[in-house]
C-alpha atoms as a PDB file:
ATOM      1  CA  MET A   1       4.814   1.925 -21.517  1.00  0.00           C
ATOM      2  CA  ASN A   2       3.330   5.738 -22.070  1.00  0.00           C
ATOM      3  CA  GLU A   3       5.161   7.749 -20.231  1.00  0.00           C
ATOM      4  CA  GLU A   4       1.977  10.003 -18.621  1.00  0.00           C
ATOM      5  CA  ASN A   5       0.783   6.449 -17.386  1.00  0.00           C
ATOM      6  CA  PRO A   6       2.612   4.370 -15.445  1.00  0.00           C
ATOM      7  CA  PHE A   7       0.132   1.661 -14.505  1.00  0.00           C
ATOM      8  CA  ILE A   8      -2.324  -0.694 -15.928  1.00  0.00           C
ATOM      9  CA  VAL A   9      -5.452  -1.174 -13.824  1.00  0.00           C
ATOM     10  CA  GLU A  10      -7.770  -4.228 -14.239  1.00  0.00           C
ATOM     11  CA  LYS A  11     -11.114  -4.677 -12.094  1.00  0.00           C
ATOM     12  CA  ARG A  12     -12.373  -8.398 -12.028  1.00  0.00           C
ATOM     13  CA  ASP A  13     -14.015  -9.745  -9.131  1.00  0.00           C
ATOM     14  CA  HIS A  14     -14.776  -6.790  -7.104  1.00  0.00           C
ATOM     15  CA  VAL A  15     -10.527  -6.570  -6.893  1.00  0.00           C
ATOM     16  CA  ALA A  16      -8.539  -3.770  -8.457  1.00  0.00           C
ATOM     17  CA  TRP A  17      -5.126  -4.550  -9.929  1.00  0.00           C
ATOM     18  CA  LEU A  18      -3.000  -1.289  -9.762  1.00  0.00           C
ATOM     19  CA  ILE A  19      -0.590  -2.857 -12.163  1.00  0.00           C
ATOM     20  CA  MET A  20       3.097  -0.585 -12.218  1.00  0.00           C
ATOM     21  CA  ASN A  21       4.428  -0.917 -15.894  1.00  0.00           C
ATOM     22  CA  SER A  22       7.140   1.093 -16.458  1.00  0.00           C
ATOM     23  CA  PRO A  23       9.136  -2.640 -16.792  1.00  0.00           C
ATOM     24  CA  GLU A  24      12.335  -0.882 -18.864  1.00  0.00           C
ATOM     25  CA  LYS A  25      12.819   1.201 -15.987  1.00  0.00           C
ATOM     26  CA  ARG A  26      12.075  -1.386 -13.677  1.00  0.00           C
ATOM     27  CA  ASN A  27       9.191   0.782 -12.488  1.00  0.00           C
ATOM     28  CA  ALA A  28      11.325   3.569 -11.218  1.00  0.00           C
ATOM     29  CA  MET A  29       8.524   6.122  -9.472  1.00  0.00           C
ATOM     30  CA  GLY A  30       9.155   9.572 -11.228  1.00  0.00           C
ATOM     31  CA  LEU A  31       6.695  12.914 -11.767  1.00  0.00           C
ATOM     32  CA  ALA A  32       3.929  10.866 -13.610  1.00  0.00           C
ATOM     33  CA  PHE A  33       3.979   8.261 -11.323  1.00  0.00           C
ATOM     34  CA  PHE A  34       3.005  10.466  -8.722  1.00  0.00           C
ATOM     35  CA  THR A  35       0.222  12.089 -10.220  1.00  0.00           C
ATOM     36  CA  GLU A  36      -1.389   9.098 -11.495  1.00  0.00           C
ATOM     37  CA  ILE A  37      -1.204   6.797  -8.071  1.00  0.00           C
ATOM     38  CA  VAL A  38      -3.709   9.367  -6.530  1.00  0.00           C
ATOM     39  CA  ASN A  39      -5.682   9.849  -9.778  1.00  0.00           C
ATOM     40  CA  HIS A  40      -6.210   5.798  -9.671  1.00  0.00           C
ATOM     41  CA  PHE A  41      -6.983   5.540  -5.443  1.00  0.00           C
ATOM     42  CA  ASP A  42      -9.116   8.677  -5.973  1.00  0.00           C
ATOM     43  CA  ASP A  43     -11.314   5.996  -8.742  1.00  0.00           C
ATOM     44  CA  PHE A  44     -10.819   3.200  -6.296  1.00  0.00           C
ATOM     45  CA  ASN A  45     -12.560   4.945  -3.544  1.00  0.00           C
ATOM     46  CA  ASN A  46     -15.244   6.322  -5.969  1.00  0.00           C
ATOM     47  CA  ASP A  47     -16.254   3.016  -7.183  1.00  0.00           C
ATOM     48  CA  PRO A  48     -18.520   0.870  -4.856  1.00  0.00           C
ATOM     49  CA  GLU A  49     -17.669  -2.099  -7.350  1.00  0.00           C
ATOM     50  CA  VAL A  50     -14.027  -1.820  -6.328  1.00  0.00           C
ATOM     51  CA  ARG A  51     -13.770  -3.480  -2.638  1.00  0.00           C
ATOM     52  CA  VAL A  52      -9.987  -4.643  -2.567  1.00  0.00           C
ATOM     53  CA  VAL A  53      -6.888  -3.401  -4.104  1.00  0.00           C
ATOM     54  CA  VAL A  54      -3.705  -5.072  -5.104  1.00  0.00           C
ATOM     55  CA  ILE A  55      -0.625  -3.617  -6.338  1.00  0.00           C
ATOM     56  CA  LYS A  56       2.216  -5.250  -8.648  1.00  0.00           C
ATOM     57  CA  GLY A  57       4.987  -4.803 -10.413  1.00  0.00           C
ATOM     58  CA  GLU A  58       5.233  -5.469 -14.362  1.00  0.00           C
ATOM     59  CA  GLY A  59       8.790  -6.867 -15.491  1.00  0.00           C
ATOM     60  CA  SER A  60      11.626  -8.266 -13.556  1.00  0.00           C
ATOM     61  CA  CYS A  61      11.128  -6.451 -10.182  1.00  0.00           C
ATOM     62  CA  PHE A  62       8.429  -4.670  -7.855  1.00  0.00           C
ATOM     63  CA  THR A  63      10.264  -1.286  -8.337  1.00  0.00           C
ATOM     64  CA  ALA A  64      13.697  -0.053  -7.993  1.00  0.00           C
ATOM     65  CA  GLY A  65      12.019   3.221  -6.002  1.00  0.00           C
ATOM     66  CA  ILE A  66      12.224   6.842  -6.854  1.00  0.00           C
ATOM     67  CA  ASP A  67      13.354   8.183 -10.957  1.00  0.00           C
ATOM     68  CA  LEU A  68      16.789   9.724  -9.691  1.00  0.00           C
ATOM     69  CA  ALA A  69      17.545  10.464 -13.033  1.00  0.00           C
ATOM     70  CA  GLY A  70      14.519  11.645 -13.791  1.00  0.00           C
ATOM     71  CA  LEU A  71      13.915  13.609 -10.650  1.00  0.00           C
ATOM     72  CA  ALA A  72      17.846  15.194 -10.579  1.00  0.00           C
ATOM     73  CA  SER A  73      17.086  18.271 -12.228  1.00  0.00           C
ATOM     74  CA  LEU A  74      15.008  19.025  -9.262  1.00  0.00           C
ATOM     75  CA  VAL A  75      18.053  18.718  -6.693  1.00  0.00           C
ATOM     76  CA  THR A  76      19.967  21.904  -8.109  1.00  0.00           C
ATOM     77  CA  ASP A  77      21.601  24.174  -5.750  1.00  0.00           C
ATOM     78  CA  GLY A  78      19.267  27.345  -6.907  1.00  0.00           C
ATOM     79  CA  GLY A  79      17.468  29.616  -4.925  1.00  0.00           C
ATOM     80  CA  ALA A  80      14.274  30.080  -2.470  1.00  0.00           C
ATOM     81  CA  ASP A  81      11.792  29.230  -5.429  1.00  0.00           C
ATOM     82  CA  THR A  82      14.341  26.223  -6.712  1.00  0.00           C
ATOM     83  CA  ARG A  83      13.891  24.748  -2.656  1.00  0.00           C
ATOM     84  CA  GLU A  84      10.119  25.590  -2.746  1.00  0.00           C
ATOM     85  CA  ASN A  85       9.679  23.811  -6.183  1.00  0.00           C
ATOM     86  CA  LEU A  86      11.427  20.842  -4.463  1.00  0.00           C
ATOM     87  CA  ARG A  87       9.639  21.046  -1.222  1.00  0.00           C
ATOM     88  CA  LYS A  88       6.180  20.511  -3.698  1.00  0.00           C
ATOM     89  CA  THR A  89       7.653  17.907  -5.354  1.00  0.00           C
ATOM     90  CA  ILE A  90       8.369  16.084  -1.835  1.00  0.00           C
ATOM     91  CA  LEU A  91       4.463  16.877  -1.201  1.00  0.00           C
ATOM     92  CA  LYS A  92       3.309  14.943  -4.323  1.00  0.00           C
ATOM     93  CA  GLY A  93       5.641  12.101  -3.705  1.00  0.00           C
ATOM     94  CA  GLN A  94       4.442  12.007   0.109  1.00  0.00           C
ATOM     95  CA  GLU A  95       0.268  11.983  -1.123  1.00  0.00           C
ATOM     96  CA  ALA A  96       1.124   9.021  -3.426  1.00  0.00           C
ATOM     97  CA  ALA A  97       1.989   7.035  -0.914  1.00  0.00           C
ATOM     98  CA  SER A  98      -0.743   8.537   1.581  1.00  0.00           C
ATOM     99  CA  CYS A  99      -3.256   7.762  -0.953  1.00  0.00           C
ATOM    100  CA  ILE A 100      -2.852   4.365  -0.229  1.00  0.00           C
ATOM    101  CA  GLU A 101      -3.388   4.756   3.391  1.00  0.00           C
ATOM    102  CA  LYS A 102      -6.524   6.945   3.213  1.00  0.00           C
ATOM    103  CA  CYS A 103      -8.070   4.388   0.494  1.00  0.00           C
ATOM    104  CA  THR A 104     -11.081   3.491   2.168  1.00  0.00           C
ATOM    105  CA  LYS A 105     -10.789  -0.048   0.805  1.00  0.00           C
ATOM    106  CA  PRO A 106      -7.748  -2.753   1.763  1.00  0.00           C
ATOM    107  CA  VAL A 107      -4.598  -2.475  -0.112  1.00  0.00           C
ATOM    108  CA  ILE A 108      -2.415  -5.652  -0.626  1.00  0.00           C
ATOM    109  CA  ALA A 109       1.030  -5.467  -1.909  1.00  0.00           C
ATOM    110  CA  ALA A 110       2.530  -8.411  -3.725  1.00  0.00           C
ATOM    111  CA  VAL A 111       6.121  -7.852  -4.377  1.00  0.00           C
ATOM    112  CA  HIS A 112       8.965  -9.709  -6.179  1.00  0.00           C
ATOM    113  CA  SER A 113      12.854  -9.218  -6.978  1.00  0.00           C
ATOM    114  CA  HIS A 114      13.530  -5.726  -5.755  1.00  0.00           C
ATOM    115  CA  CYS A 115      11.281  -2.892  -3.870  1.00  0.00           C
ATOM    116  CA  ILE A 116      13.920  -0.237  -2.908  1.00  0.00           C
ATOM    117  CA  GLY A 117      13.605   3.226  -1.436  1.00  0.00           C
ATOM    118  CA  GLY A 118      10.381   4.809  -2.645  1.00  0.00           C
ATOM    119  CA  GLY A 119       9.266   1.344  -2.813  1.00  0.00           C
ATOM    120  CA  VAL A 120       9.586   0.774   1.116  1.00  0.00           C
ATOM    121  CA  ASP A 121       7.800   3.902   1.304  1.00  0.00           C
ATOM    122  CA  LEU A 122       4.579   2.532  -1.157  1.00  0.00           C
ATOM    123  CA  ILE A 123       4.173  -0.378   0.613  1.00  0.00           C
ATOM    124  CA  SER A 124       4.559   0.924   4.144  1.00  0.00           C
ATOM    125  CA  ALA A 125       1.175   2.533   3.411  1.00  0.00           C
ATOM    126  CA  CYS A 126      -0.384  -0.660   2.362  1.00  0.00           C
ATOM    127  CA  ASP A 127      -2.472  -2.629   4.748  1.00  0.00           C
ATOM    128  CA  ILE A 128      -0.941  -6.389   3.770  1.00  0.00           C
ATOM    129  CA  ARG A 129       2.291  -6.906   2.458  1.00  0.00           C
ATOM    130  CA  ILE A 130       3.223 -10.409   0.896  1.00  0.00           C
ATOM    131  CA  ALA A 131       6.598 -11.093  -1.004  1.00  0.00           C
ATOM    132  CA  SER A 132       8.315 -13.907  -3.316  1.00  0.00           C
ATOM    133  CA  MET A 133      11.426 -15.638  -1.815  1.00  0.00           C
ATOM    134  CA  ASP A 134      13.441 -13.401  -4.382  1.00  0.00           C
ATOM    135  CA  ALA A 135      12.195 -10.144  -3.002  1.00  0.00           C
ATOM    136  CA  VAL A 136      14.513  -7.622  -1.526  1.00  0.00           C
ATOM    137  CA  PHE A 137      13.613  -4.780   0.395  1.00  0.00           C
ATOM    138  CA  SER A 138      16.069  -1.792   1.253  1.00  0.00           C
ATOM    139  CA  ILE A 139      15.253   1.816   2.732  1.00  0.00           C
ATOM    140  CA  LYS A 140      18.382   3.031   1.049  1.00  0.00           C
ATOM    141  CA  GLU A 141      18.306   6.645   1.490  1.00  0.00           C
ATOM    142  CA  THR A 142      21.283   6.747   3.573  1.00  0.00           C
ATOM    143  CA  ARG A 143      23.448   5.315   1.605  1.00  0.00           C
ATOM    144  CA  LEU A 144      22.403   7.799  -1.267  1.00  0.00           C
ATOM    145  CA  ALA A 145      23.392  10.441   1.732  1.00  0.00           C
ATOM    146  CA  VAL A 146      19.413  11.997   1.665  1.00  0.00           C
ATOM    147  CA  ILE A 147      16.534  10.995   4.552  1.00  0.00           C
ATOM    148  CA  ALA A 148      13.698   9.116   3.173  1.00  0.00           C
ATOM    149  CA  ASP A 149      10.800  11.380   3.117  1.00  0.00           C
ATOM    150  CA  VAL A 150       7.805   9.644   1.443  1.00  0.00           C
ATOM    151  CA  GLY A 151       6.167   8.068   4.692  1.00  0.00           C
ATOM    152  CA  THR A 152       8.693   4.893   5.792  1.00  0.00           C
ATOM    153  CA  LEU A 153       9.979   7.004   8.902  1.00  0.00           C
ATOM    154  CA  GLN A 154       6.808   7.589   9.870  1.00  0.00           C
ATOM    155  CA  ARG A 155       4.718   4.336   9.258  1.00  0.00           C
ATOM    156  CA  LEU A 156       7.032   1.697   9.185  1.00  0.00           C
ATOM    157  CA  PRO A 157       7.993   1.605  12.930  1.00  0.00           C
ATOM    158  CA  HIS A 158       4.624   1.000  13.756  1.00  0.00           C
ATOM    159  CA  ILE A 159       4.656  -2.094  11.729  1.00  0.00           C
ATOM    160  CA  ILE A 160       7.862  -3.843  12.866  1.00  0.00           C
ATOM    161  CA  GLY A 161       9.198  -1.822  15.621  1.00  0.00           C
ATOM    162  CA  HIS A 162      11.646   0.746  16.587  1.00  0.00           C
ATOM    163  CA  GLY A 163      14.235  -2.010  17.333  1.00  0.00           C
ATOM    164  CA  TRP A 164      14.287  -3.906  14.000  1.00  0.00           C
ATOM    165  CA  PHE A 165      13.444  -0.606  12.105  1.00  0.00           C
ATOM    166  CA  ARG A 166      16.041   1.606  13.304  1.00  0.00           C
ATOM    167  CA  GLU A 167      18.738  -0.752  12.286  1.00  0.00           C
ATOM    168  CA  LEU A 168      17.420  -0.862   8.680  1.00  0.00           C
ATOM    169  CA  ALA A 169      16.507   2.454   8.110  1.00  0.00           C
ATOM    170  CA  LEU A 170      20.117   4.120   9.748  1.00  0.00           C
ATOM    171  CA  THR A 171      22.162   1.075   8.151  1.00  0.00           C
ATOM    172  CA  GLY A 172      20.260   1.480   4.482  1.00  0.00           C
ATOM    173  CA  ARG A 173      21.081  -2.258   4.098  1.00  0.00           C
ATOM    174  CA  ASP A 174      19.464  -4.936   1.868  1.00  0.00           C
ATOM    175  CA  PHE A 175      17.487  -7.385   3.520  1.00  0.00           C
ATOM    176  CA  SER A 176      15.841 -10.325   2.618  1.00  0.00           C
ATOM    177  CA  ALA A 177      12.034 -11.847   2.167  1.00  0.00           C
ATOM    178  CA  GLU A 178      13.129 -14.559   4.945  1.00  0.00           C
ATOM    179  CA  GLU A 179      14.050 -11.263   7.181  1.00  0.00           C
ATOM    180  CA  ALA A 180      10.791  -9.430   6.241  1.00  0.00           C
ATOM    181  CA  LEU A 181       8.914 -12.299   6.723  1.00  0.00           C
ATOM    182  CA  LYS A 182      10.765 -12.435  10.353  1.00  0.00           C
ATOM    183  CA  ILE A 183      10.378  -9.161  11.451  1.00  0.00           C
ATOM    184  CA  GLY A 184       6.539  -8.996  10.201  1.00  0.00           C
ATOM    185  CA  PHE A 185       6.691  -6.579   7.632  1.00  0.00           C
ATOM    186  CA  ILE A 186       5.605  -8.935   5.171  1.00  0.00           C
ATOM    187  CA  THR A 187       2.695 -11.880   6.263  1.00  0.00           C
ATOM    188  CA  ARG A 188       3.362 -14.278   3.495  1.00  0.00           C
ATOM    189  CA  LEU A 189       6.122 -15.532   2.042  1.00  0.00           C
ATOM    190  CA  CYS A 190       5.685 -17.381  -1.190  1.00  0.00           C
ATOM    191  CA  THR A 191       7.691 -19.457  -3.583  1.00  0.00           C
ATOM    192  CA  ASP A 192       7.447 -17.602  -6.865  1.00  0.00           C
ATOM    193  CA  LYS A 193       6.068 -14.727  -8.613  1.00  0.00           C
ATOM    194  CA  GLU A 194       3.345 -17.160  -9.670  1.00  0.00           C
ATOM    195  CA  ASP A 195       2.809 -18.415  -6.479  1.00  0.00           C
ATOM    196  CA  LEU A 196       2.816 -14.678  -5.293  1.00  0.00           C
ATOM    197  CA  PHE A 197       0.159 -13.485  -7.545  1.00  0.00           C
ATOM    198  CA  LYS A 198      -2.023 -16.217  -7.027  1.00  0.00           C
ATOM    199  CA  GLN A 199      -1.820 -15.987  -3.369  1.00  0.00           C
ATOM    200  CA  ALA A 200      -2.766 -12.211  -3.900  1.00  0.00           C
ATOM    201  CA  GLU A 201      -5.349 -13.194  -6.230  1.00  0.00           C
ATOM    202  CA  SER A 202      -6.795 -15.663  -3.192  1.00  0.00           C
ATOM    203  CA  LEU A 203      -6.265 -13.308  -0.398  1.00  0.00           C
ATOM    204  CA  ALA A 204      -8.174 -10.353  -1.991  1.00  0.00           C
ATOM    205  CA  ALA A 205     -11.077 -12.652  -2.955  1.00  0.00           C
ATOM    206  CA  GLU A 206     -11.195 -13.565   0.936  1.00  0.00           C
ATOM    207  CA  ILE A 207     -11.422 -10.205   2.269  1.00  0.00           C
ATOM    208  CA  ALA A 208     -14.179  -8.876  -1.296  1.00  0.00           C
ATOM    209  CA  GLY A 209     -16.571 -11.770  -0.142  1.00  0.00           C
ATOM    210  CA  LEU A 210     -16.824  -9.906   3.476  1.00  0.00           C
ATOM    211  CA  ALA A 211     -19.231  -7.314   3.700  1.00  0.00           C
ATOM    212  CA  PRO A 212     -17.601  -4.248   2.362  1.00  0.00           C
ATOM    213  CA  LEU A 213     -18.791  -1.316   5.009  1.00  0.00           C
ATOM    214  CA  ALA A 214     -17.794  -4.142   7.653  1.00  0.00           C
ATOM    215  CA  VAL A 215     -14.030  -4.133   6.175  1.00  0.00           C
ATOM    216  CA  GLN A 216     -13.819  -0.510   5.442  1.00  0.00           C
ATOM    217  CA  GLY A 217     -14.805   0.513   8.703  1.00  0.00           C
ATOM    218  CA  THR A 218     -12.458  -2.042  10.665  1.00  0.00           C
ATOM    219  CA  LYS A 219      -9.357  -0.047   8.848  1.00  0.00           C
ATOM    220  CA  ASP A 220     -10.618   3.136   9.281  1.00  0.00           C
ATOM    221  CA  VAL A 221     -10.501   2.620  13.067  1.00  0.00           C
ATOM    222  CA  LEU A 222      -7.281   0.857  12.928  1.00  0.00           C
ATOM    223  CA  LEU A 223      -5.684   4.207  11.381  1.00  0.00           C
ATOM    224  CA  TYR A 224      -7.748   6.083  13.773  1.00  0.00           C
ATOM    225  CA  SER A 225      -6.309   4.031  16.715  1.00  0.00           C
ATOM    226  CA  ARG A 226      -2.841   4.094  15.917  1.00  0.00           C
ATOM    227  CA  ASP A 227      -2.737   8.043  15.155  1.00  0.00           C
ATOM    228  CA  ASN A 228      -4.770   8.724  18.669  1.00  0.00           C
ATOM    229  CA  GLY A 229      -4.604   6.065  20.837  1.00  0.00           C
ATOM    230  CA  ILE A 230      -6.191   3.385  22.548  1.00  0.00           C
ATOM    231  CA  TYR A 231      -9.041   5.038  24.371  1.00  0.00           C
ATOM    232  CA  PRO A 232     -10.494   7.548  21.847  1.00  0.00           C
ATOM    233  CA  GLY A 233     -10.105   4.376  19.505  1.00  0.00           C
ATOM    234  CA  LEU A 234     -12.319   2.853  21.682  1.00  0.00           C
ATOM    235  CA  GLN A 235     -14.834   5.608  21.788  1.00  0.00           C
ATOM    236  CA  TYR A 236     -14.769   5.789  17.986  1.00  0.00           C
ATOM    237  CA  VAL A 237     -15.258   2.021  17.352  1.00  0.00           C
ATOM    238  CA  ALA A 238     -18.489   2.692  19.614  1.00  0.00           C
ATOM    239  CA  GLN A 239     -19.594   5.573  17.615  1.00  0.00           C
ATOM    240  CA  LYS A 240     -19.144   3.845  14.414  1.00  0.00           C
ATOM    241  CA  ASN A 241     -20.552   0.538  15.395  1.00  0.00           C
ATOM    242  CA  ALA A 242     -23.253   2.032  16.609  1.00  0.00           C
ATOM    243  CA  ALA A 243     -24.118   3.655  13.115  1.00  0.00           C
ATOM    244  CA  ALA A 244     -23.122   0.391  11.244  1.00  0.00           C
ATOM    245  CA  LEU A 245     -24.800  -2.636  13.098  1.00  0.00           C
ATOM    246  CA  ILE A 246     -27.976  -2.324  11.738  1.00  0.00           C
ATOM    247  CA  SER A 247     -27.523  -3.430   8.245  1.00  0.00           C
ATOM    248  CA  GLU A 248     -28.848  -5.010   5.384  1.00  0.00           C
ATOM    249  CA  ASP A 249     -25.057  -7.113   5.318  1.00  0.00           C
ATOM    250  CA  ALA A 250     -25.644  -7.807   8.981  1.00  0.00           C
ATOM    251  CA  LEU A 251     -29.190  -8.880   8.388  1.00  0.00           C
ATOM    252  CA  GLU A 252     -27.767 -11.187   5.432  1.00  0.00           C
ATOM    253  CA  ALA A 253     -25.017 -12.686   7.770  1.00  0.00           C
ATOM    254  CA  ILE A 254     -27.365 -13.834  10.314  1.00  0.00           C
ATOM    255  CA  ALA A 255     -29.430 -15.338   7.488  1.00  0.00           C
ATOM    256  CA  ALA A 256     -26.749 -16.714   6.079  1.00  0.00           C
ATOM    257  CA  HIS A 257     -25.351 -18.827   9.333  1.00  0.00           C
ATOM    258  CA  ILE A 258     -28.784 -19.868  10.132  1.00  0.00           C
ATOM    259  CA  GLU A 259     -29.296 -21.168   6.775  1.00  0.00           C
ATOM    260  CA  LYS A 260     -26.040 -22.707   6.502  1.00  0.00           C
ATOM    261  CA  ARG A 261     -24.971 -21.100   3.041  1.00  0.00           C
ATOM    262  CA  LYS A 262     -22.655 -18.437   1.729  1.00  0.00           C
ATOM    263  CA  PRO A 263     -23.801 -14.580   2.631  1.00  0.00           C
ATOM    264  CA  ALA A 264     -24.250 -12.395  -0.503  1.00  0.00           C
ATOM    265  CA  PHE A 265     -22.908  -8.840   0.912  1.00  0.00           C
ATOM    266  CA  LYS A 266     -24.238  -6.111  -1.087  1.00  0.00           C
ATOM    267  CA  GLY A 267     -22.347  -3.273   1.167  1.00  0.00           C
ATOM    268  CA  LYS A 268     -25.536  -1.477   2.305  1.00  0.00           C
END
């Protein structure tokens, strides 16, 4: 594994697979990870052939979280300049998760085995999360005497509600794939890693087969409404649909329905 490129990207059938490829480090997230994931999502955003992104991990687990050993040198009792550098590093970590949420294309996380700390930050920014039966999650930061600072505290309560979230965040305990399904953190529970990747592929293909501008517009409206409220969200979607309803893909959808065939969407 090249330390400067901790990912492999595979693109096929309008789906981009972003594969964390540091199996010898259990896909731990270091400085190179923070930089490269932002670059990859910038590429996905600008590639009209990509309609869906799937994130998965190579090797024994999804990710062990932040690479504590690699970042240890940043946590020193230095002067103001040291603390300022740490602040900038935290912001880079935040952008590594935020670039997923900001991606105009839907993002699916396919989780097997451990997804710890920063991994929960990462998948909380995804649109859909599925996992294999052996998946184990943890908002581990309180057990390491730190505060989660890459997005879990801001995003996950909107996904599972404050009741469950506060227990998990304050205790830092492990929770299983079955519990993750029960509380709504994941939407599908797969038998093993092979089944997980098959279901991720099937789900991505289903979304990629839809009109891309409608799918991307739906993600945009969901995020806007979450952050601004119901009535601003209604105003926003009215304006957005007024611009989007008259499209080649909408006419193709009508024609395909009348002709009883599968539509061929072009994103126009």
